[in-house]
């Protein structure tokens, strides 16, 4: 007994005394005409990406379902994975709307798989992150970020290069403002200069108490040493003000399971 379609109706958390919050995702399930509809409640971690247990309840049933340990590769697991693909891409509000319906797809290997129905796909397309890239040659490229599984179903452009999309950004000058742009010699230079200044200050105080000229001389030498050591080692450890980014084209496919498809405008 497995649902032929499902819709996410809620995502919420509940506080418990002396316990951490518990997080839940709830689906409305539709079975065949001979069977009753029902709800599936999944308890997850805080990120909603890892299921812990689930509870299945039939509509108008006198008995209440009990939470059971999560089973991998079950229809519940397939439904959660389908929801996560689009929740990650379009966000909470869109992922919990009744307009997004997941349908059970028949698999020849006997596994479970849910994906959006055709009507929901059309609605989700407008919710996905998209924009326009201005190319150096004056042309424009439309870019849309979609879930990587069956990404071609969202691509209508004949010029789309979703399977081989790469970042065509050319090399340009970037200010070297990050901490990685400086060498460790900078730090050692300031430490060295600070040490000399501390010694010079000690001599200055000792000799100044006696009213001797030696205190002024020692203080002057200390300041000179501080400036010389600090500035000299700072220059030794610095890098040019600008650096060139890597010109090698990089794949657009991200480790989060999305692909950026593009087409010439």
Protein backbone atom coordinates (compact mmCIF):
# COMPACT_ATOMS: atom_id res chain seq x y z
CA UNK A 1 0.00 0.00 0.00
CA UNK A 2 1.65 3.18 -1.22
CA UNK A 3 0.28 6.59 -2.25
CA UNK A 4 0.03 7.46 -5.92
CA UNK A 5 0.47 11.16 -5.15
CA UNK A 6 1.30 13.41 -2.22
CA UNK A 7 1.41 17.07 -1.21
CA UNK A 8 3.41 18.70 1.58
CA UNK A 9 0.93 20.46 3.86
CA UNK A 10 3.09 21.51 6.81
CA UNK A 11 6.62 21.93 8.17
CA UNK A 12 6.81 22.73 11.87
CA UNK A 13 8.61 22.18 15.16
CA UNK A 14 7.40 21.41 18.68
CA UNK A 15 9.12 22.19 21.99
CA UNK A 16 9.17 19.57 24.73
CA UNK A 17 9.95 20.15 28.43
CA UNK A 18 13.60 19.45 29.23
CA UNK A 19 14.14 18.31 25.63
CA UNK A 20 15.29 19.89 22.41
CA UNK A 21 12.81 20.94 19.75
CA UNK A 22 11.52 18.24 17.45
CA UNK A 23 11.03 18.96 13.76
CA UNK A 24 8.36 17.54 11.48
CA UNK A 25 7.24 17.48 7.85
CA UNK A 26 3.68 16.41 7.05
CA UNK A 27 2.27 15.16 3.74
CA UNK A 28 -1.26 14.60 2.53
CA UNK A 29 -1.41 11.25 0.74
CA UNK A 30 -3.73 10.09 -2.03
CA UNK A 31 -4.15 6.39 -2.71
CA UNK A 32 -6.13 4.55 -5.37
CA UNK A 33 -9.90 5.03 -5.49
CA UNK A 34 -10.51 1.86 -3.50
CA UNK A 35 -8.35 3.01 -0.62
CA UNK A 36 -8.67 5.86 1.87
CA UNK A 37 -6.44 8.92 1.90
CA UNK A 38 -4.20 9.72 4.81
CA UNK A 39 -1.29 11.69 6.24
CA UNK A 40 2.39 10.96 6.68
CA UNK A 41 4.28 12.76 9.46
CA UNK A 42 8.07 12.58 9.33
CA UNK A 43 10.27 13.55 12.26
CA UNK A 44 13.61 14.96 11.09
CA UNK A 45 16.66 16.75 12.40
CA UNK A 46 16.76 20.55 12.59
CA UNK A 47 17.74 20.90 8.93
CA UNK A 48 14.79 18.71 7.80
CA UNK A 49 17.22 16.76 5.65
CA UNK A 50 17.67 13.62 7.74
CA UNK A 51 14.63 11.59 8.76
CA UNK A 52 14.47 9.93 12.18
CA UNK A 53 11.07 8.21 12.20
CA UNK A 54 7.64 8.50 10.60
CA UNK A 55 3.96 8.01 11.38
CA UNK A 56 1.31 7.01 8.82
CA UNK A 57 -2.40 7.56 9.53
CA UNK A 58 -5.40 6.76 7.34
CA UNK A 59 -8.24 9.24 7.06
CA UNK A 60 -11.32 8.44 9.18
CA UNK A 61 -9.47 5.63 10.88
CA UNK A 62 -10.38 4.94 14.50
CA UNK A 63 -6.83 3.92 15.35
CA UNK A 64 -4.00 6.42 15.61
CA UNK A 65 -0.71 5.60 13.97
CA UNK A 66 2.48 5.26 15.95
CA UNK A 67 5.91 6.56 15.05
CA UNK A 68 8.11 3.87 13.53
CA UNK A 69 11.87 3.88 12.83
CA UNK A 70 12.81 5.32 9.47
CA UNK A 71 13.31 2.80 6.65
CA UNK A 72 15.68 3.62 3.82
CA UNK A 73 14.61 2.95 0.22
CA UNK A 74 10.94 2.86 1.23
CA UNK A 75 8.20 4.90 -0.45
CA UNK A 76 8.39 7.31 2.50
CA UNK A 77 12.09 7.77 1.81
CA UNK A 78 11.46 8.35 -1.90
CA UNK A 79 8.79 10.95 -1.12
CA UNK A 80 11.02 12.84 1.30
CA UNK A 81 13.88 12.87 -1.23
CA UNK A 82 11.56 14.29 -3.89
CA UNK A 83 10.40 17.04 -1.54
CA UNK A 84 13.98 17.90 -0.54
CA UNK A 85 15.02 18.41 -4.16
CA UNK A 86 12.50 21.21 -4.61
CA UNK A 87 12.51 22.53 -1.05
CA UNK A 88 16.25 23.24 -1.38
CA UNK A 89 15.66 25.07 -4.66
CA UNK A 90 12.49 27.10 -4.05
CA UNK A 91 12.34 27.47 -0.28
CA UNK A 92 9.87 26.77 2.49
CA UNK A 93 6.81 28.75 1.38
CA UNK A 94 6.69 27.31 -2.11
CA UNK A 95 7.53 23.76 -1.05
CA UNK A 96 4.56 23.57 1.32
CA UNK A 97 1.90 24.82 -1.09
CA UNK A 98 -0.88 22.49 -2.19
CA UNK A 99 -0.14 23.32 -5.83
CA UNK A 100 2.99 21.17 -5.79
CA UNK A 101 1.95 17.55 -6.23
CA UNK A 102 4.38 14.63 -6.22
CA UNK A 103 3.40 11.58 -8.26
CA UNK A 104 4.65 8.02 -7.94
CA UNK A 105 6.68 7.02 -11.00
CA UNK A 106 6.88 3.40 -12.06
CA UNK A 107 10.42 2.04 -11.92
CA UNK A 108 11.48 -1.10 -13.76
CA UNK A 109 13.87 -2.12 -10.99
CA UNK A 110 11.12 -2.12 -8.37
CA UNK A 111 12.34 0.95 -6.47
CA UNK A 112 10.18 3.91 -5.50
CA UNK A 113 10.48 7.33 -7.11
CA UNK A 114 8.35 10.46 -6.82
CA UNK A 115 8.50 13.51 -9.06
CA UNK A 116 6.32 16.54 -9.78
CA UNK A 117 3.28 16.14 -11.96
CA UNK A 118 3.28 18.06 -15.25
CA UNK A 119 1.12 20.89 -13.92
CA UNK A 120 3.34 21.37 -10.87
CA UNK A 121 6.46 21.45 -13.04
CA UNK A 122 5.13 24.44 -14.94
CA UNK A 123 4.46 26.30 -11.72
CA UNK A 124 7.79 25.45 -10.12
CA UNK A 125 9.76 26.62 -13.14
CA UNK A 126 8.90 30.24 -12.36
CA UNK A 127 9.94 29.82 -8.71
CA UNK A 128 13.44 28.51 -9.40
CA UNK A 129 16.41 30.91 -9.06
CA UNK A 130 17.11 32.49 -12.42
CA UNK A 131 18.78 35.48 -13.98
CA UNK A 132 20.68 36.85 -16.96
CA UNK A 133 24.46 36.77 -17.47
CA UNK A 134 25.96 39.56 -19.61
CA UNK A 135 28.75 38.06 -21.72
CA UNK A 136 31.91 39.89 -22.78
CA UNK A 137 30.90 39.71 -26.45
CA UNK A 138 27.74 41.71 -25.78
CA UNK A 139 25.34 38.77 -25.79
CA UNK A 140 23.22 37.62 -22.87
CA UNK A 141 22.71 34.15 -21.42
CA UNK A 142 19.62 33.14 -19.47
CA UNK A 143 20.51 30.97 -16.47
CA UNK A 144 18.16 28.90 -14.30
CA UNK A 145 19.15 26.70 -11.36
CA UNK A 146 17.17 23.46 -11.17
CA UNK A 147 17.42 20.17 -9.23
CA UNK A 148 19.94 17.92 -10.93
CA UNK A 149 17.64 14.89 -11.09
CA UNK A 150 15.76 15.07 -14.41
CA UNK A 151 16.95 18.64 -14.91
CA UNK A 152 16.20 18.42 -18.64
CA UNK A 153 12.46 18.47 -17.88
CA UNK A 154 12.70 22.14 -16.92
CA UNK A 155 14.73 23.25 -19.96
CA UNK A 156 12.84 24.52 -22.98
CA UNK A 157 15.55 26.46 -24.81
CA UNK A 158 16.88 24.79 -27.96
CA UNK A 159 20.28 26.33 -27.27
CA UNK A 160 20.45 24.97 -23.75
CA UNK A 161 23.78 23.47 -22.67
CA UNK A 162 22.69 22.01 -19.34
CA UNK A 163 24.73 18.84 -19.61
CA UNK A 164 27.97 20.62 -20.46
CA UNK A 165 27.49 24.03 -18.88
CA UNK A 166 30.67 25.74 -17.75
CA UNK A 167 31.53 29.05 -16.23
CA UNK A 168 32.85 31.24 -19.06
CA UNK A 169 33.96 34.08 -16.81
CA UNK A 170 37.18 35.62 -18.13
CA UNK A 171 40.14 36.55 -15.97
CA UNK A 172 40.02 39.98 -14.36
CA UNK A 173 41.95 41.93 -11.76
CA UNK A 174 40.75 41.47 -8.19
CA UNK A 175 41.95 43.43 -5.14
CA UNK A 176 44.01 41.20 -2.88
CA UNK A 177 42.15 42.09 0.30
CA UNK A 178 41.81 38.69 1.94
CA UNK A 179 44.00 37.54 4.82
CA UNK A 180 45.48 34.85 2.56
CA UNK A 181 47.13 37.58 0.48
CA UNK A 182 49.70 38.29 3.18
CA UNK A 183 52.68 36.23 4.23
CA UNK A 184 53.45 35.15 7.76
CA UNK A 185 56.54 37.40 7.70
CA UNK A 186 54.23 40.35 8.37
CA UNK A 187 53.26 38.93 11.72
CA UNK A 188 56.83 38.02 12.64
CA UNK A 189 57.98 41.50 11.62
CA UNK A 190 55.57 43.21 13.96
CA UNK A 191 56.40 40.82 16.78
CA UNK A 192 60.10 41.57 16.28
CA UNK A 193 59.50 45.32 16.21
CA UNK A 194 57.27 45.18 19.27
CA UNK A 195 59.95 43.31 21.20
CA UNK A 196 62.60 45.89 20.38
CA UNK A 197 60.24 48.71 21.32
CA UNK A 198 59.55 47.09 24.68
CA UNK A 199 63.28 46.78 25.42
CA UNK A 200 63.89 50.36 24.32
CA UNK A 201 61.07 51.59 26.52
CA UNK A 202 62.56 49.81 29.50
CA UNK A 203 65.96 51.43 28.93
CA UNK A 204 64.30 54.81 28.41
CA UNK A 205 62.46 54.63 31.71
CA UNK A 206 65.55 53.49 33.60
CA UNK A 207 67.83 56.17 32.20
CA UNK A 208 65.22 58.91 32.28
CA UNK A 209 64.85 58.46 36.01
CA UNK A 210 68.52 59.34 36.44
CA UNK A 211 68.11 62.35 34.15
CA UNK A 212 70.84 61.09 31.81
CA UNK A 213 71.06 61.64 28.10
CA UNK A 214 71.57 57.87 27.63
CA UNK A 215 67.85 57.36 28.12
CA UNK A 216 66.98 59.59 25.18
CA UNK A 217 69.57 57.87 22.98
CA UNK A 218 68.27 54.40 23.87
CA UNK A 219 64.71 55.50 23.22
CA UNK A 220 65.62 56.92 19.83
CA UNK A 221 67.41 53.71 18.85
CA UNK A 222 64.39 51.70 19.94
CA UNK A 223 61.98 53.71 17.80
CA UNK A 224 64.30 53.51 14.80
CA UNK A 225 64.65 49.75 15.21
CA UNK A 226 60.88 49.35 15.46
CA UNK A 227 60.26 51.30 12.25
CA UNK A 228 63.06 49.61 10.35
CA UNK A 229 62.16 46.08 11.42
CA UNK A 230 58.41 46.49 11.01
CA UNK A 231 58.42 48.21 7.63
CA UNK A 232 61.20 46.05 6.22
CA UNK A 233 59.64 42.73 7.14
CA UNK A 234 56.17 43.96 6.15
CA UNK A 235 57.45 44.59 2.62
CA UNK A 236 59.23 41.25 2.62
CA UNK A 237 56.01 39.40 3.37
CA UNK A 238 53.60 41.33 1.18
CA UNK A 239 52.27 40.41 -2.24
CA UNK A 240 51.27 42.53 -5.25
CA UNK A 241 48.13 44.59 -4.79
CA UNK A 242 46.28 42.60 -7.46
CA UNK A 243 46.09 39.00 -8.55
CA UNK A 244 44.48 37.23 -11.50
CA UNK A 245 41.85 34.59 -10.88
CA UNK A 246 42.14 31.16 -12.48
CA UNK A 247 41.18 31.32 -16.14
CA UNK A 248 40.35 27.61 -16.37
CA UNK A 249 36.60 27.11 -16.98
CA UNK A 250 34.97 25.40 -13.99
CA UNK A 251 31.93 23.09 -14.05
CA UNK A 252 28.71 24.71 -12.93
CA UNK A 253 27.39 21.55 -11.28
CA UNK A 254 27.36 22.14 -7.55
CA UNK A 255 27.78 19.62 -4.72
CA UNK A 256 24.31 20.52 -3.45
CA UNK A 257 22.58 18.66 -6.26
CA UNK A 258 21.75 21.50 -8.65
CA UNK A 259 22.73 22.35 -12.18
CA UNK A 260 22.74 25.73 -13.90
CA UNK A 261 21.27 25.50 -17.37
CA UNK A 262 21.81 28.29 -19.86
CA UNK A 263 20.61 29.41 -23.25
CA UNK A 264 21.54 32.30 -25.51
CA UNK A 265 19.08 35.20 -25.57
